[in-house]
Amino acid sequence: MSAVTVRNLPEEIHRALKLRAAQHGRSTEAEIRQILEKALRPEERVKIGSELAAFGQQLEGFNLDVTREKTQTEPALFE
């Protein structure tokens, strides 16, 4: 996991971070991670699985037979 150092952080911002972290029951470092996570991975982001499911629903789905073949297969020959 990467580490980041933030230089020249105003004391007022540092105090605000510490207060916010205490209000959420986290360390200051954990609070900063949470802030960055929310900023860079918003909940509204497009999720490919959800989009594919919605696409399938628009097409009214399809039937896929996933019955497994029970007969033995021959091993591949690499000659």
N, C-alpha and C. Protein backbone atom coordinates (compact mmCIF):
# COMPACT_ATOMS: atom_id res chain seq x y z
N MET A 1 0.84 -1.17 0.00
CA MET A 1 0.00 0.00 0.00
C MET A 1 0.89 1.24 0.00
N SER A 2 0.47 2.25 -0.72
CA SER A 2 1.25 3.48 -0.85
C SER A 2 1.08 4.39 0.35
N ALA A 3 2.05 5.25 0.53
CA ALA A 3 2.00 6.27 1.58
C ALA A 3 2.16 7.63 0.92
N VAL A 4 1.47 8.62 1.48
CA VAL A 4 1.52 9.98 0.96
C VAL A 4 1.82 10.92 2.12
N THR A 5 2.70 11.89 1.89
CA THR A 5 2.98 12.91 2.88
C THR A 5 2.42 14.23 2.37
N VAL A 6 1.67 14.92 3.19
CA VAL A 6 1.11 16.21 2.81
C VAL A 6 1.88 17.29 3.57
N ARG A 7 2.60 18.09 2.84
CA ARG A 7 3.39 19.16 3.46
C ARG A 7 2.61 20.47 3.44
N ASN A 8 2.98 21.36 4.34
CA ASN A 8 2.41 22.72 4.40
C ASN A 8 0.90 22.71 4.59
N LEU A 9 0.40 21.75 5.34
CA LEU A 9 -1.02 21.70 5.66
C LEU A 9 -1.29 22.74 6.74
N PRO A 10 -2.19 23.66 6.51
CA PRO A 10 -2.46 24.68 7.52
C PRO A 10 -2.94 24.04 8.83
N GLU A 11 -2.52 24.62 9.92
CA GLU A 11 -2.87 24.09 11.25
C GLU A 11 -4.38 24.01 11.43
N GLU A 12 -5.09 24.99 10.89
CA GLU A 12 -6.56 25.00 10.99
C GLU A 12 -7.18 23.77 10.32
N ILE A 13 -6.65 23.39 9.17
CA ILE A 13 -7.14 22.20 8.46
C ILE A 13 -6.80 20.95 9.26
N HIS A 14 -5.62 20.89 9.81
CA HIS A 14 -5.21 19.73 10.61
C HIS A 14 -6.13 19.57 11.82
N ARG A 15 -6.42 20.67 12.49
CA ARG A 15 -7.34 20.62 13.65
C ARG A 15 -8.73 20.15 13.21
N ALA A 16 -9.20 20.66 12.07
CA ALA A 16 -10.52 20.27 11.57
C ALA A 16 -10.56 18.78 11.23
N LEU A 17 -9.48 18.28 10.66
CA LEU A 17 -9.39 16.84 10.34
C LEU A 17 -9.43 16.01 11.62
N LYS A 18 -8.67 16.43 12.62
CA LYS A 18 -8.66 15.69 13.89
C LYS A 18 -10.03 15.70 14.55
N LEU A 19 -10.72 16.83 14.50
CA LEU A 19 -12.05 16.93 15.08
C LEU A 19 -13.04 16.05 14.33
N ARG A 20 -13.00 16.11 13.01
CA ARG A 20 -13.90 15.29 12.19
C ARG A 20 -13.64 13.81 12.43
N ALA A 21 -12.39 13.42 12.54
CA ALA A 21 -12.03 12.02 12.80
C ALA A 21 -12.59 11.58 14.15
N ALA A 22 -12.44 12.42 15.16
CA ALA A 22 -12.96 12.09 16.49
C ALA A 22 -14.48 11.94 16.46
N GLN A 23 -15.15 12.79 15.70
CA GLN A 23 -16.61 12.72 15.59
C GLN A 23 -17.06 11.41 14.93
N HIS A 24 -16.23 10.88 14.05
CA HIS A 24 -16.56 9.63 13.37
C HIS A 24 -15.93 8.40 14.04
N GLY A 25 -15.22 8.63 15.14
CA GLY A 25 -14.60 7.52 15.85
C GLY A 25 -13.45 6.87 15.11
N ARG A 26 -12.73 7.66 14.34
CA ARG A 26 -11.60 7.14 13.57
C ARG A 26 -10.34 7.93 13.90
N SER A 27 -9.23 7.38 13.48
CA SER A 27 -7.97 8.12 13.57
C SER A 27 -7.97 9.18 12.48
N THR A 28 -7.10 10.16 12.63
CA THR A 28 -7.00 11.20 11.60
C THR A 28 -6.61 10.59 10.26
N GLU A 29 -5.70 9.64 10.30
CA GLU A 29 -5.26 8.97 9.07
C GLU A 29 -6.42 8.23 8.40
N ALA A 30 -7.22 7.52 9.19
CA ALA A 30 -8.38 6.81 8.65
C ALA A 30 -9.41 7.79 8.08
N GLU A 31 -9.55 8.92 8.72
CA GLU A 31 -10.49 9.94 8.23
C GLU A 31 -10.04 10.49 6.88
N ILE A 32 -8.75 10.74 6.75
CA ILE A 32 -8.21 11.22 5.47
C ILE A 32 -8.44 10.18 4.38
N ARG A 33 -8.21 8.90 4.70
CA ARG A 33 -8.48 7.84 3.72
C ARG A 33 -9.94 7.85 3.29
N GLN A 34 -10.84 8.01 4.25
CA GLN A 34 -12.27 8.03 3.95
C GLN A 34 -12.63 9.21 3.06
N ILE A 35 -12.09 10.38 3.35
CA ILE A 35 -12.35 11.57 2.54
C ILE A 35 -11.87 11.35 1.11
N LEU A 36 -10.66 10.82 0.97
CA LEU A 36 -10.11 10.56 -0.37
C LEU A 36 -10.93 9.51 -1.11
N GLU A 37 -11.34 8.47 -0.41
CA GLU A 37 -12.15 7.41 -1.02
C GLU A 37 -13.46 7.98 -1.57
N LYS A 38 -14.13 8.80 -0.77
CA LYS A 38 -15.40 9.39 -1.21
C LYS A 38 -15.20 10.33 -2.39
N ALA A 39 -14.11 11.07 -2.38
CA ALA A 39 -13.86 12.02 -3.45
C ALA A 39 -13.50 11.32 -4.76
N LEU A 40 -12.79 10.23 -4.67
CA LEU A 40 -12.27 9.58 -5.88
C LEU A 40 -13.07 8.38 -6.35
N ARG A 41 -13.91 7.85 -5.48
CA ARG A 41 -14.78 6.73 -5.85
C ARG A 41 -16.20 7.03 -5.41
N PRO A 42 -16.84 7.98 -6.07
CA PRO A 42 -18.19 8.35 -5.64
C PRO A 42 -19.17 7.19 -5.81
N GLU A 43 -20.19 7.18 -4.96
CA GLU A 43 -21.20 6.11 -5.00
C GLU A 43 -21.95 6.11 -6.33
N GLU A 44 -22.03 7.28 -6.98
CA GLU A 44 -22.80 7.38 -8.22
C GLU A 44 -22.05 6.84 -9.43
N ARG A 45 -20.83 6.33 -9.23
CA ARG A 45 -20.05 5.88 -10.38
C ARG A 45 -20.74 4.70 -11.07
N VAL A 46 -20.47 4.56 -12.34
CA VAL A 46 -21.05 3.47 -13.12
C VAL A 46 -20.35 2.18 -12.74
N LYS A 47 -21.14 1.19 -12.40
CA LYS A 47 -20.60 -0.12 -12.06
C LYS A 47 -20.98 -1.08 -13.19
N ILE A 48 -20.00 -1.72 -13.77
CA ILE A 48 -20.20 -2.51 -14.98
C ILE A 48 -21.22 -3.63 -14.78
N GLY A 49 -21.18 -4.30 -13.63
CA GLY A 49 -22.14 -5.38 -13.39
C GLY A 49 -23.57 -4.88 -13.38
N SER A 50 -23.80 -3.75 -12.73
CA SER A 50 -25.14 -3.16 -12.67
C SER A 50 -25.59 -2.73 -14.06
N GLU A 51 -24.68 -2.15 -14.82
CA GLU A 51 -25.03 -1.72 -16.18
C GLU A 51 -25.37 -2.92 -17.07
N LEU A 52 -24.61 -4.01 -16.95
CA LEU A 52 -24.91 -5.20 -17.75
C LEU A 52 -26.25 -5.82 -17.36
N ALA A 53 -26.55 -5.83 -16.06
CA ALA A 53 -27.84 -6.36 -15.61
C ALA A 53 -28.99 -5.51 -16.14
N ALA A 54 -28.83 -4.19 -16.11
CA ALA A 54 -29.87 -3.30 -16.62
C ALA A 54 -30.05 -3.50 -18.12
N PHE A 55 -28.96 -3.69 -18.84
CA PHE A 55 -29.02 -3.94 -20.28
C PHE A 55 -29.78 -5.24 -20.56
N GLY A 56 -29.48 -6.27 -19.79
CA GLY A 56 -30.20 -7.54 -19.95
C GLY A 56 -31.68 -7.40 -19.68
N GLN A 57 -32.05 -6.60 -18.68
CA GLN A 57 -33.47 -6.38 -18.38
C GLN A 57 -34.15 -5.63 -19.51
N GLN A 58 -33.46 -4.70 -20.13
CA GLN A 58 -34.04 -3.97 -21.26
C GLN A 58 -34.34 -4.91 -22.42
N LEU A 59 -33.51 -5.92 -22.58
CA LEU A 59 -33.71 -6.90 -23.65
C LEU A 59 -34.65 -8.02 -23.21
N GLU A 60 -35.21 -7.89 -22.03
CA GLU A 60 -36.11 -8.88 -21.43
C GLU A 60 -35.41 -10.21 -21.20
N GLY A 61 -34.11 -10.16 -21.02
CA GLY A 61 -33.33 -11.34 -20.66
C GLY A 61 -33.28 -12.39 -21.75
N PHE A 62 -32.70 -13.51 -21.43
CA PHE A 62 -32.65 -14.64 -22.34
C PHE A 62 -32.45 -15.90 -21.52
N ASN A 63 -32.83 -17.03 -22.09
CA ASN A 63 -32.68 -18.31 -21.40
C ASN A 63 -31.35 -18.93 -21.80
N LEU A 64 -30.59 -19.32 -20.82
CA LEU A 64 -29.30 -19.93 -21.07
C LEU A 64 -29.28 -21.28 -20.37
N ASP A 65 -29.12 -22.33 -21.15
CA ASP A 65 -29.06 -23.67 -20.58
C ASP A 65 -27.64 -23.91 -20.09
N VAL A 66 -27.47 -24.07 -18.79
CA VAL A 66 -26.15 -24.28 -18.22
C VAL A 66 -26.03 -25.69 -17.63
N THR A 67 -26.73 -26.64 -18.24
CA THR A 67 -26.64 -28.02 -17.79
C THR A 67 -25.24 -28.54 -18.10
N ARG A 68 -24.62 -29.12 -17.10
CA ARG A 68 -23.25 -29.60 -17.27
C ARG A 68 -23.26 -30.99 -17.89
N GLU A 69 -22.39 -31.17 -18.85
CA GLU A 69 -22.23 -32.47 -19.50
C GLU A 69 -21.59 -33.42 -18.50
N LYS A 70 -22.17 -34.62 -18.36
CA LYS A 70 -21.69 -35.54 -17.32
C LYS A 70 -20.79 -36.65 -17.87
N THR A 71 -20.63 -36.71 -19.18
CA THR A 71 -19.77 -37.76 -19.73
C THR A 71 -18.31 -37.35 -19.60
N GLN A 72 -17.46 -38.34 -19.47
CA GLN A 72 -16.02 -38.10 -19.34
C GLN A 72 -15.48 -37.57 -20.67
N THR A 73 -14.58 -36.62 -20.57
CA THR A 73 -13.94 -36.12 -21.79
C THR A 73 -12.57 -36.76 -21.92
N GLU A 74 -12.11 -36.82 -23.15
CA GLU A 74 -10.78 -37.37 -23.42
C GLU A 74 -9.75 -36.28 -23.16
N PRO A 75 -8.63 -36.63 -22.55
CA PRO A 75 -7.60 -35.63 -22.32
C PRO A 75 -7.02 -35.14 -23.64
N ALA A 76 -6.56 -33.92 -23.68
CA ALA A 76 -5.95 -33.36 -24.89
C ALA A 76 -4.61 -34.02 -25.15
N LEU A 77 -4.32 -34.25 -26.41
CA LEU A 77 -3.03 -34.81 -26.81
C LEU A 77 -2.20 -33.71 -27.46
N PHE A 78 -1.01 -33.50 -26.96
CA PHE A 78 -0.13 -32.50 -27.51
C PHE A 78 1.07 -33.20 -28.13
N GLU A 79 0.94 -33.51 -29.39
CA GLU A 79 2.00 -34.24 -30.08
C GLU A 79 2.64 -33.41 -31.15
